[in-house]
């Protein structure tokens, strides 16, 4: 069952996020099970909303690809995460990348 990931990671900067994105290359090498990724910064925190085919797909991606890049970027602490069952999604075709 597809899930929505809501993530908040206090203290992460846009530069650190971009460092991790560049290292992991998830836009070029899409992780298995990834459907949608949206990120923004507010109140001194990174906020992410993702859609994944399963929670396990995200957990595998985090363990196999993100952990080392997060460490290299100097990101401290752990994110607050919540998974919820997806009820419905609508994704406009042809939209990607930065705002």
N, C-alpha and C. Protein backbone atom coordinates (compact mmCIF):
# COMPACT_ATOMS: atom_id res chain seq x y z
N UNK A 1 0.84 -1.17 0.00
CA UNK A 1 0.00 0.00 0.00
C UNK A 1 0.88 1.24 0.00
N UNK A 2 0.59 2.20 -0.85
CA UNK A 2 1.36 3.44 -0.92
C UNK A 2 1.18 4.23 0.37
N UNK A 3 2.26 4.94 0.74
CA UNK A 3 2.26 5.72 1.98
C UNK A 3 2.75 7.13 1.71
N UNK A 4 2.30 8.05 2.57
CA UNK A 4 2.79 9.42 2.58
C UNK A 4 3.74 9.55 3.75
N UNK A 5 4.93 10.05 3.47
CA UNK A 5 5.92 10.33 4.51
C UNK A 5 5.91 11.83 4.78
N UNK A 6 5.70 12.19 6.03
CA UNK A 6 5.85 13.57 6.48
C UNK A 6 7.10 13.60 7.35
N UNK A 7 8.06 14.45 6.98
CA UNK A 7 9.35 14.48 7.67
C UNK A 7 9.69 15.91 8.04
N UNK A 8 10.20 16.08 9.24
CA UNK A 8 10.71 17.38 9.71
C UNK A 8 12.06 17.11 10.35
N UNK A 9 13.09 17.85 9.87
CA UNK A 9 14.45 17.64 10.40
C UNK A 9 14.99 19.00 10.81
N UNK A 10 15.00 19.24 12.11
CA UNK A 10 15.42 20.51 12.66
C UNK A 10 16.90 20.75 12.40
N UNK A 11 17.24 22.00 12.03
CA UNK A 11 18.63 22.40 11.86
C UNK A 11 19.24 22.13 10.50
N UNK A 12 18.55 21.42 9.63
CA UNK A 12 19.09 21.14 8.29
C UNK A 12 18.96 22.41 7.44
N UNK A 13 20.03 22.77 6.77
CA UNK A 13 20.04 23.96 5.93
C UNK A 13 19.80 23.59 4.46
N UNK A 14 19.40 24.58 3.65
CA UNK A 14 19.27 24.31 2.22
C UNK A 14 20.58 23.81 1.60
N UNK A 15 21.72 24.35 2.04
CA UNK A 15 23.01 23.90 1.50
C UNK A 15 23.26 22.44 1.84
N UNK A 16 22.94 22.03 3.06
CA UNK A 16 23.12 20.62 3.43
C UNK A 16 22.19 19.71 2.62
N UNK A 17 20.95 20.13 2.45
CA UNK A 17 20.01 19.36 1.64
C UNK A 17 20.55 19.19 0.23
N UNK A 18 21.03 20.28 -0.37
CA UNK A 18 21.56 20.21 -1.73
C UNK A 18 22.80 19.33 -1.81
N UNK A 19 23.63 19.35 -0.79
CA UNK A 19 24.81 18.47 -0.74
C UNK A 19 24.40 17.01 -0.76
N UNK A 20 23.39 16.68 0.05
CA UNK A 20 22.89 15.30 0.10
C UNK A 20 22.26 14.92 -1.25
N UNK A 21 21.45 15.81 -1.79
CA UNK A 21 20.80 15.53 -3.09
C UNK A 21 21.84 15.29 -4.18
N UNK A 22 22.88 16.13 -4.21
CA UNK A 22 23.93 15.96 -5.22
C UNK A 22 24.69 14.65 -5.03
N UNK A 23 24.93 14.26 -3.79
CA UNK A 23 25.68 13.02 -3.51
C UNK A 23 24.86 11.78 -3.84
N UNK A 24 23.59 11.80 -3.48
CA UNK A 24 22.75 10.60 -3.65
C UNK A 24 22.18 10.50 -5.07
N UNK A 25 21.97 11.66 -5.70
CA UNK A 25 21.48 11.70 -7.08
C UNK A 25 20.13 10.99 -7.26
N UNK A 26 19.20 11.24 -6.32
CA UNK A 26 17.92 10.54 -6.39
C UNK A 26 17.07 10.98 -7.57
N UNK A 27 17.33 12.15 -8.12
CA UNK A 27 16.56 12.57 -9.29
C UNK A 27 17.05 11.85 -10.56
N UNK A 28 18.33 11.54 -10.60
CA UNK A 28 18.90 10.83 -11.76
C UNK A 28 18.82 9.32 -11.59
N UNK A 29 18.95 8.84 -10.38
CA UNK A 29 18.90 7.41 -10.06
C UNK A 29 17.76 7.21 -9.06
N UNK A 30 16.56 7.21 -9.58
CA UNK A 30 15.35 7.20 -8.75
C UNK A 30 15.32 5.94 -7.89
N UNK A 31 15.13 6.11 -6.59
CA UNK A 31 15.07 4.95 -5.70
C UNK A 31 13.85 4.08 -6.00
N UNK A 32 14.02 2.80 -5.82
CA UNK A 32 12.91 1.88 -6.00
C UNK A 32 11.79 2.24 -5.03
N UNK A 33 10.59 2.39 -5.56
CA UNK A 33 9.42 2.66 -4.73
C UNK A 33 9.11 4.13 -4.53
N UNK A 34 9.99 5.03 -4.98
CA UNK A 34 9.73 6.47 -4.83
C UNK A 34 8.71 6.92 -5.86
N UNK A 35 7.77 7.77 -5.42
CA UNK A 35 6.73 8.27 -6.31
C UNK A 35 6.79 9.79 -6.40
N UNK A 36 6.97 10.48 -5.28
CA UNK A 36 6.90 11.93 -5.24
C UNK A 36 7.76 12.45 -4.09
N UNK A 37 8.44 13.58 -4.32
CA UNK A 37 9.25 14.21 -3.27
C UNK A 37 9.07 15.72 -3.36
N UNK A 38 8.72 16.33 -2.22
CA UNK A 38 8.59 17.77 -2.11
C UNK A 38 9.34 18.20 -0.86
N UNK A 39 10.19 19.24 -0.98
CA UNK A 39 10.97 19.71 0.17
C UNK A 39 10.89 21.21 0.28
N UNK A 40 10.89 21.73 1.53
CA UNK A 40 10.91 23.17 1.79
C UNK A 40 11.52 23.41 3.16
N UNK A 41 11.85 24.67 3.41
CA UNK A 41 12.48 25.07 4.66
C UNK A 41 11.61 26.11 5.34
N UNK A 42 11.40 25.89 6.63
CA UNK A 42 10.58 26.82 7.40
C UNK A 42 10.92 26.63 8.87
N UNK A 43 11.04 27.73 9.59
CA UNK A 43 11.27 27.66 11.02
C UNK A 43 12.55 26.95 11.41
N UNK A 44 13.59 27.07 10.60
CA UNK A 44 14.86 26.43 10.91
C UNK A 44 14.89 24.93 10.71
N UNK A 45 13.94 24.41 9.94
CA UNK A 45 13.86 22.97 9.71
C UNK A 45 13.64 22.66 8.23
N UNK A 46 14.12 21.49 7.83
CA UNK A 46 13.78 20.90 6.54
C UNK A 46 12.45 20.18 6.72
N UNK A 47 11.53 20.41 5.79
CA UNK A 47 10.25 19.71 5.76
C UNK A 47 10.17 18.94 4.44
N UNK A 48 9.71 17.71 4.51
CA UNK A 48 9.59 16.87 3.32
C UNK A 48 8.25 16.18 3.34
N UNK A 49 7.62 16.13 2.19
CA UNK A 49 6.47 15.25 1.97
C UNK A 49 6.83 14.36 0.80
N UNK A 50 6.78 13.08 1.03
CA UNK A 50 7.08 12.08 0.00
C UNK A 50 5.90 11.14 -0.15
N UNK A 51 5.81 10.52 -1.31
CA UNK A 51 4.94 9.37 -1.51
C UNK A 51 5.83 8.21 -1.93
N UNK A 52 5.67 7.08 -1.28
CA UNK A 52 6.42 5.86 -1.56
C UNK A 52 5.45 4.71 -1.76
N UNK A 53 5.84 3.73 -2.54
CA UNK A 53 4.99 2.56 -2.72
C UNK A 53 4.77 1.84 -1.40
N UNK A 54 5.82 1.78 -0.57
CA UNK A 54 5.71 1.17 0.76
C UNK A 54 6.65 1.89 1.72
N UNK A 55 6.37 1.80 3.00
CA UNK A 55 7.26 2.36 4.01
C UNK A 55 8.62 1.69 3.94
N UNK A 56 8.64 0.41 3.66
CA UNK A 56 9.89 -0.33 3.56
C UNK A 56 10.77 0.19 2.43
N UNK A 57 10.17 0.63 1.33
CA UNK A 57 10.96 1.21 0.23
C UNK A 57 11.73 2.43 0.73
N UNK A 58 11.06 3.32 1.48
CA UNK A 58 11.77 4.49 2.01
C UNK A 58 12.84 4.07 3.00
N UNK A 59 12.52 3.17 3.90
CA UNK A 59 13.49 2.75 4.92
C UNK A 59 14.73 2.13 4.28
N UNK A 60 14.56 1.38 3.22
CA UNK A 60 15.69 0.79 2.51
C UNK A 60 16.53 1.88 1.85
N UNK A 61 15.88 2.84 1.19
CA UNK A 61 16.57 3.96 0.56
C UNK A 61 17.36 4.75 1.61
N UNK A 62 16.74 5.02 2.73
CA UNK A 62 17.40 5.78 3.80
C UNK A 62 18.66 5.05 4.26
N UNK A 63 18.52 3.76 4.55
CA UNK A 63 19.65 2.97 5.06
C UNK A 63 20.75 2.79 4.01
N UNK A 64 20.36 2.48 2.78
CA UNK A 64 21.34 2.13 1.75
C UNK A 64 21.99 3.33 1.08
N UNK A 65 21.29 4.46 0.99
CA UNK A 65 21.82 5.58 0.21
C UNK A 65 21.92 6.89 0.96
N UNK A 66 21.00 7.17 1.86
CA UNK A 66 20.99 8.48 2.51
C UNK A 66 21.92 8.60 3.71
N UNK A 67 22.02 7.57 4.51
CA UNK A 67 22.76 7.67 5.78
C UNK A 67 24.17 8.21 5.60
N UNK A 68 24.92 7.67 4.68
CA UNK A 68 26.31 8.12 4.52
C UNK A 68 26.37 9.56 3.99
N UNK A 69 25.47 9.93 3.09
CA UNK A 69 25.47 11.29 2.55
C UNK A 69 25.06 12.30 3.63
N UNK A 70 24.13 11.93 4.49
CA UNK A 70 23.71 12.79 5.59
C UNK A 70 24.88 13.04 6.53
N UNK A 71 25.61 11.98 6.82
CA UNK A 71 26.78 12.12 7.69
C UNK A 71 27.83 13.02 7.06
N UNK A 72 28.10 12.82 5.77
CA UNK A 72 29.09 13.63 5.05
C UNK A 72 28.69 15.11 5.01
N UNK A 73 27.40 15.38 4.96
CA UNK A 73 26.91 16.76 4.90
C UNK A 73 26.91 17.43 6.28
N UNK A 74 27.24 16.66 7.32
CA UNK A 74 27.30 17.23 8.66
C UNK A 74 25.94 17.45 9.30
N UNK A 75 24.95 16.71 8.87
CA UNK A 75 23.61 16.84 9.44
C UNK A 75 23.54 16.04 10.74
N UNK A 76 23.11 16.73 11.79
CA UNK A 76 23.05 16.11 13.12
C UNK A 76 21.61 15.72 13.46
N UNK A 77 21.51 14.85 14.43
CA UNK A 77 20.21 14.47 14.95
C UNK A 77 19.47 13.50 14.05
N UNK A 78 18.21 13.34 14.35
CA UNK A 78 17.34 12.43 13.60
C UNK A 78 16.10 13.20 13.16
N UNK A 79 15.53 12.82 12.03
CA UNK A 79 14.30 13.48 11.61
C UNK A 79 13.09 12.96 12.39
N UNK A 80 12.09 13.81 12.50
CA UNK A 80 10.78 13.37 12.98
C UNK A 80 10.03 12.88 11.74
N UNK A 81 9.54 11.65 11.78
CA UNK A 81 8.86 11.10 10.61
C UNK A 81 7.50 10.54 11.00
N UNK A 82 6.61 10.59 10.05
CA UNK A 82 5.29 9.98 10.22
C UNK A 82 4.87 9.41 8.88
N UNK A 83 4.39 8.18 8.88
CA UNK A 83 3.88 7.53 7.68
C UNK A 83 2.36 7.40 7.81
N UNK A 84 1.67 7.71 6.72
CA UNK A 84 0.22 7.58 6.68
C UNK A 84 -0.17 6.87 5.40
N UNK A 85 -1.24 6.08 5.43
CA UNK A 85 -1.69 5.43 4.20
C UNK A 85 -2.14 6.49 3.20
N UNK A 86 -1.77 6.31 1.96
CA UNK A 86 -2.18 7.22 0.90
C UNK A 86 -3.62 6.91 0.51
N UNK A 87 -4.44 7.94 0.46
CA UNK A 87 -5.83 7.76 0.01
C UNK A 87 -5.94 7.98 -1.50
N UNK A 88 -5.31 9.05 -1.98
CA UNK A 88 -5.38 9.37 -3.42
C UNK A 88 -4.21 10.26 -3.77
N UNK A 89 -3.75 10.15 -5.01
CA UNK A 89 -2.70 11.06 -5.49
C UNK A 89 -3.06 11.53 -6.89
N UNK A 90 -2.61 12.74 -7.18
CA UNK A 90 -2.74 13.31 -8.52
C UNK A 90 -1.43 14.04 -8.76
N UNK A 91 -0.72 13.66 -9.81
CA UNK A 91 0.56 14.27 -10.13
C UNK A 91 0.46 14.80 -11.56
N UNK A 92 0.71 16.09 -11.72
CA UNK A 92 0.64 16.70 -13.03
C UNK A 92 1.86 16.25 -13.84
N UNK A 93 1.65 15.77 -15.04
CA UNK A 93 2.76 15.29 -15.86
C UNK A 93 3.63 16.45 -16.30
N UNK A 94 4.92 16.16 -16.45
CA UNK A 94 5.87 17.14 -16.97
C UNK A 94 6.40 18.12 -15.95
N UNK A 95 6.07 17.98 -14.67
CA UNK A 95 6.55 18.90 -13.64
C UNK A 95 7.63 18.21 -12.83
N UNK A 96 8.80 18.87 -12.70
CA UNK A 96 9.87 18.33 -11.88
C UNK A 96 10.85 19.44 -11.53
N UNK A 97 11.80 19.13 -10.66
CA UNK A 97 12.88 20.06 -10.35
C UNK A 97 12.49 21.19 -9.43
N UNK A 98 13.30 22.23 -9.46
CA UNK A 98 13.12 23.37 -8.56
C UNK A 98 11.90 24.20 -8.93
N UNK A 99 11.44 24.96 -7.96
CA UNK A 99 10.26 25.81 -8.16
C UNK A 99 10.54 26.89 -9.18
